[in-house]
């Protein structure tokens, strides 16, 4: 199931190097070949702001029948701690974010996966690449975070860099992969820093020993003493009776 690019006010769009699709561009999508419509998909293990999420990018086609040889994904500067996952048969290179734009909306980290000789992805087959990354700390639920991607094939390439105009439900001709930030919840794989802290505090509280009831302890000790005294008296009485019977 393909995501649809959408932006609703007052949500923000966090992008880098993307193109806002115009009405003319959307009209062009009607005439675009079907292979170009099967864009790069994106799944996130968590979509909460400040969550450490595993972002998985999927490619399910080539370039007009030509095998895919590389995929380059650029991350917004607000998405930090990007750590690529090794993919057998493919090399991975990382260009770090420009320090001068690390706190703005400039260029962030770019990760490129390149197929080794003989490992290109044939047209019509699907494969994935992944990274772990920290989603925008200052993000809010409803924010759209786009990740421009360039798919290169043995012959030709696709630039998946467009996002829809604000308020439009129409899909661009070459949509950039994206996630929409959501409120943190306890059911996701990952969560915000506050969620993690809260979970640790709850675990500590549940594992802490229960407070001692001093009254209950005193009663228990008293009952034990009475029991011991009673046992001693009973033993003494039985011995006395046994001695008298033996005379």
Protein backbone atom coordinates (compact mmCIF):
# COMPACT_ATOMS: atom_id res chain seq x y z
CA UNK A 1 0.00 0.00 0.00
CA UNK A 2 1.56 3.28 -1.13
CA UNK A 3 1.52 6.33 1.15
CA UNK A 4 -0.08 9.49 -0.17
CA UNK A 5 1.70 12.78 0.30
CA UNK A 6 -0.44 15.21 2.24
CA UNK A 7 0.02 18.32 4.35
CA UNK A 8 -2.68 19.74 6.58
CA UNK A 9 -2.52 23.14 8.24
CA UNK A 10 -1.01 23.99 10.67
CA UNK A 11 1.27 20.98 10.19
CA UNK A 12 4.74 21.65 8.83
CA UNK A 13 6.69 19.95 6.08
CA UNK A 14 10.33 19.23 6.95
CA UNK A 15 12.18 18.64 3.70
CA UNK A 16 15.50 19.24 2.00
CA UNK A 17 16.12 19.43 -1.73
CA UNK A 18 12.50 18.65 -2.57
CA UNK A 19 10.20 20.18 -5.14
CA UNK A 20 6.65 21.23 -4.30
CA UNK A 21 4.49 19.66 -6.98
CA UNK A 22 2.46 22.18 -8.97
CA UNK A 23 -0.85 21.57 -10.69
CA UNK A 24 1.02 21.15 -13.97
CA UNK A 25 3.30 18.59 -12.38
CA UNK A 26 0.34 16.65 -11.06
CA UNK A 27 -1.25 16.69 -14.48
CA UNK A 28 1.97 15.26 -15.90
CA UNK A 29 1.58 12.28 -13.59
CA UNK A 30 -1.36 11.09 -15.67
CA UNK A 31 0.91 10.69 -18.67
CA UNK A 32 3.81 9.16 -16.72
CA UNK A 33 4.50 5.44 -17.36
CA UNK A 34 3.28 3.02 -14.72
CA UNK A 35 6.84 2.07 -13.73
CA UNK A 36 7.51 5.66 -12.68
CA UNK A 37 4.43 5.65 -10.48
CA UNK A 38 5.71 2.71 -8.38
CA UNK A 39 7.73 5.03 -6.20
CA UNK A 40 10.08 4.42 -3.27
CA UNK A 41 8.07 3.38 -0.21
CA UNK A 42 8.95 4.11 3.40
CA UNK A 43 8.00 2.36 6.64
CA UNK A 44 8.97 3.63 10.11
CA UNK A 45 9.09 1.57 13.31
CA UNK A 46 8.08 4.70 15.24
CA UNK A 47 6.72 8.07 14.12
CA UNK A 48 6.77 10.01 17.41
CA UNK A 49 8.84 13.20 17.63
CA UNK A 50 12.28 12.54 19.19
CA UNK A 51 11.85 8.79 18.67
CA UNK A 52 14.76 6.61 17.58
CA UNK A 53 13.12 4.95 14.58
CA UNK A 54 14.12 2.32 12.03
CA UNK A 55 13.35 3.76 8.59
CA UNK A 56 13.02 1.15 5.84
CA UNK A 57 13.02 2.26 2.20
CA UNK A 58 11.64 -0.16 -0.40
CA UNK A 59 12.21 -0.21 -4.17
CA UNK A 60 10.00 -2.44 -6.30
CA UNK A 61 10.93 -1.53 -9.86
CA UNK A 62 13.76 -0.43 -12.11
CA UNK A 63 14.02 2.38 -14.66
CA UNK A 64 11.89 1.39 -17.63
CA UNK A 65 13.07 -2.19 -17.24
CA UNK A 66 16.66 -1.40 -16.30
CA UNK A 67 17.99 -2.87 -13.00
CA UNK A 68 18.54 -0.58 -10.01
CA UNK A 69 22.20 -0.06 -9.12
CA UNK A 70 22.00 2.53 -6.32
CA UNK A 71 19.67 4.44 -4.04
CA UNK A 72 20.69 7.72 -2.39
CA UNK A 73 18.53 9.16 0.41
CA UNK A 74 19.03 12.64 1.86
CA UNK A 75 17.76 13.31 5.38
CA UNK A 76 16.56 16.70 6.66
CA UNK A 77 18.95 18.35 9.12
CA UNK A 78 16.31 17.86 11.84
CA UNK A 79 16.68 14.07 11.48
CA UNK A 80 19.87 13.19 13.35
CA UNK A 81 21.94 10.20 14.50
CA UNK A 82 21.47 8.52 11.11
CA UNK A 83 23.03 5.03 11.18
CA UNK A 84 22.83 2.94 7.98
CA UNK A 85 22.18 -0.80 8.09
CA UNK A 86 24.63 -3.02 6.19
CA UNK A 87 23.10 -4.72 3.15
CA UNK A 88 24.80 -7.85 1.77
CA UNK A 89 25.89 -7.39 -1.84
CA UNK A 90 25.70 -3.60 -1.60
CA UNK A 91 28.21 -1.05 -0.33
CA UNK A 92 27.04 1.89 1.76
CA UNK A 93 28.54 5.37 1.95
CA UNK A 94 27.54 8.24 4.20
CA UNK A 95 28.07 11.96 3.69
CA UNK A 96 27.62 13.67 7.10
CA UNK A 97 25.43 16.69 7.60
CA UNK A 98 26.93 20.12 7.00
CA UNK A 99 27.67 21.47 10.53
CA UNK A 100 26.60 24.95 9.44
CA UNK A 101 23.06 23.70 8.79
CA UNK A 102 22.70 21.15 11.58
CA UNK A 103 20.23 23.35 13.44
CA UNK A 104 18.41 24.71 10.42
CA UNK A 105 16.56 23.34 7.44
CA UNK A 106 19.64 22.78 5.30
CA UNK A 107 21.27 19.61 4.04
CA UNK A 108 21.41 16.70 6.46
CA UNK A 109 23.09 13.31 6.13
CA UNK A 110 23.02 11.59 2.74
CA UNK A 111 23.27 7.79 2.62
CA UNK A 112 23.92 5.95 -0.65
CA UNK A 113 23.61 2.20 -1.18
CA UNK A 114 25.42 0.93 -4.31
CA UNK A 115 25.12 -2.58 -5.72
CA UNK A 116 28.27 -4.66 -6.03
CA UNK A 117 28.95 -6.12 -9.50
CA UNK A 118 26.28 -8.73 -10.23
CA UNK A 119 24.03 -7.58 -7.35
CA UNK A 120 21.85 -4.99 -9.12
CA UNK A 121 18.13 -5.22 -8.30
CA UNK A 122 16.24 -6.51 -11.37
CA UNK A 123 13.19 -4.62 -12.57
CA UNK A 124 10.01 -6.07 -11.09
CA UNK A 125 11.64 -7.35 -7.90
CA UNK A 126 11.39 -5.64 -4.52
CA UNK A 127 14.15 -5.02 -1.99
CA UNK A 128 14.78 -2.77 1.00
CA UNK A 129 17.48 -0.70 2.68
CA UNK A 130 17.28 0.74 6.18
CA UNK A 131 18.73 3.17 8.71
CA UNK A 132 18.10 3.99 12.33
CA UNK A 133 17.60 7.70 12.97
CA UNK A 134 16.38 10.16 15.57
CA UNK A 135 13.21 11.85 14.33
CA UNK A 136 12.95 15.65 14.81
CA UNK A 137 13.21 16.51 18.51
CA UNK A 138 11.20 19.69 17.93
CA UNK A 139 8.64 17.95 15.73
CA UNK A 140 4.90 17.94 16.35
CA UNK A 141 2.14 15.48 15.54
CA UNK A 142 1.01 16.09 11.97
CA UNK A 143 4.39 17.29 10.70
CA UNK A 144 5.38 15.70 7.39
CA UNK A 145 9.05 14.70 7.16
CA UNK A 146 10.19 14.03 3.59
CA UNK A 147 13.33 12.17 2.47
CA UNK A 148 14.35 12.98 -1.12
CA UNK A 149 15.67 9.88 -2.87
CA UNK A 150 17.53 9.33 -6.14
CA UNK A 151 17.20 5.89 -7.73
CA UNK A 152 19.93 5.13 -10.27
CA UNK A 153 19.72 2.25 -12.74
CA UNK A 154 22.06 0.74 -15.32
CA UNK A 155 20.19 2.89 -17.82
CA UNK A 156 18.38 5.97 -16.52
CA UNK A 157 17.38 7.23 -13.07
CA UNK A 158 14.44 8.62 -11.09
CA UNK A 159 14.46 11.61 -8.74
CA UNK A 160 11.85 10.99 -6.03
CA UNK A 161 11.90 14.53 -4.63
CA UNK A 162 8.41 16.04 -4.88
CA UNK A 163 5.93 16.78 -2.11
CA UNK A 164 2.31 17.81 -2.59
CA UNK A 165 1.20 21.40 -2.29
CA UNK A 166 -0.21 22.28 1.17
CA UNK A 167 -3.83 21.21 1.44
CA UNK A 168 -3.68 18.97 -1.64
CA UNK A 169 -4.59 15.27 -1.56
CA UNK A 170 -3.28 14.69 -5.09
CA UNK A 171 -0.12 12.64 -5.43
CA UNK A 172 2.91 14.18 -7.18
CA UNK A 173 4.43 12.54 -10.23
CA UNK A 174 7.69 11.75 -8.40
CA UNK A 175 6.82 11.74 -4.67
CA UNK A 176 9.56 11.79 -2.07
CA UNK A 177 9.33 9.11 0.63
CA UNK A 178 7.92 10.60 3.84
CA UNK A 179 6.56 9.95 7.31
CA UNK A 180 3.91 11.92 9.19
CA UNK A 181 4.78 12.45 12.86
CA UNK A 182 2.24 11.19 15.39
CA UNK A 183 1.66 11.50 19.12
CA UNK A 184 3.76 9.14 21.20
CA UNK A 185 1.97 6.08 22.53
CA UNK A 186 2.86 2.97 24.47
CA UNK A 187 2.10 0.56 21.63
CA UNK A 188 4.78 1.57 19.16
CA UNK A 189 8.22 0.11 18.68
CA UNK A 190 10.13 3.01 20.21
CA UNK A 191 9.00 6.33 21.62
CA UNK A 192 10.12 9.71 22.83
CA UNK A 193 12.74 10.34 25.50
CA UNK A 194 10.00 11.16 28.00
CA UNK A 195 8.27 7.84 27.24
CA UNK A 196 11.47 5.92 27.88
CA UNK A 197 12.09 7.74 31.16
CA UNK A 198 8.54 7.10 32.30
CA UNK A 199 8.84 3.41 31.50
CA UNK A 200 12.04 3.12 33.53
CA UNK A 201 10.46 4.87 36.51
CA UNK A 202 7.43 2.57 36.35
CA UNK A 203 9.69 -0.49 36.20
CA UNK A 204 11.69 0.72 39.21
CA UNK A 205 8.49 1.36 41.17
CA UNK A 206 7.09 -2.10 40.40
CA UNK A 207 10.33 -3.86 41.41
CA UNK A 208 10.85 -1.90 44.69
CA UNK A 209 10.12 -3.82 47.93
CA UNK A 210 6.78 -3.08 49.58
CA UNK A 211 6.89 -1.00 52.80
CA UNK A 212 7.05 -3.03 56.05
CA UNK A 213 3.94 -3.04 58.28
CA UNK A 214 5.41 -2.72 61.81
CA UNK A 215 2.13 -3.66 63.54
CA UNK A 216 1.82 -6.87 61.57
CA UNK A 217 5.44 -7.71 62.34
CA UNK A 218 4.87 -7.20 66.12
CA UNK A 219 1.78 -9.41 66.08
CA UNK A 220 3.63 -12.14 64.21
CA UNK A 221 6.53 -12.07 66.68
CA UNK A 222 4.12 -12.17 69.63
CA UNK A 223 2.27 -15.16 68.19
CA UNK A 224 5.57 -16.96 67.66
CA UNK A 225 6.62 -16.37 71.29
CA UNK A 226 3.26 -17.63 72.62
CA UNK A 227 3.57 -20.72 70.45
CA UNK A 228 7.06 -21.51 71.72
CA UNK A 229 6.02 -21.04 75.38
CA UNK A 230 3.01 -23.29 74.87
CA UNK A 231 5.18 -25.99 73.30
CA UNK A 232 7.62 -25.87 76.24
CA UNK A 233 4.79 -26.17 78.81
CA UNK A 234 3.24 -29.09 76.93
CA UNK A 235 6.57 -30.91 76.73
CA UNK A 236 7.20 -30.40 80.47
CA UNK A 237 3.73 -31.69 81.42
CA UNK A 238 4.10 -34.81 79.28
CA UNK A 239 7.50 -35.62 80.81
CA UNK A 240 6.12 -35.19 84.37
CA UNK A 241 3.20 -37.53 83.69
CA UNK A 242 5.51 -40.11 82.15
CA UNK A 243 7.76 -39.99 85.22
CA UNK A 244 4.82 -40.42 87.64
CA UNK A 245 3.48 -43.39 85.67
CA UNK A 246 6.85 -45.12 85.88
CA UNK A 247 6.95 -45.10 89.70
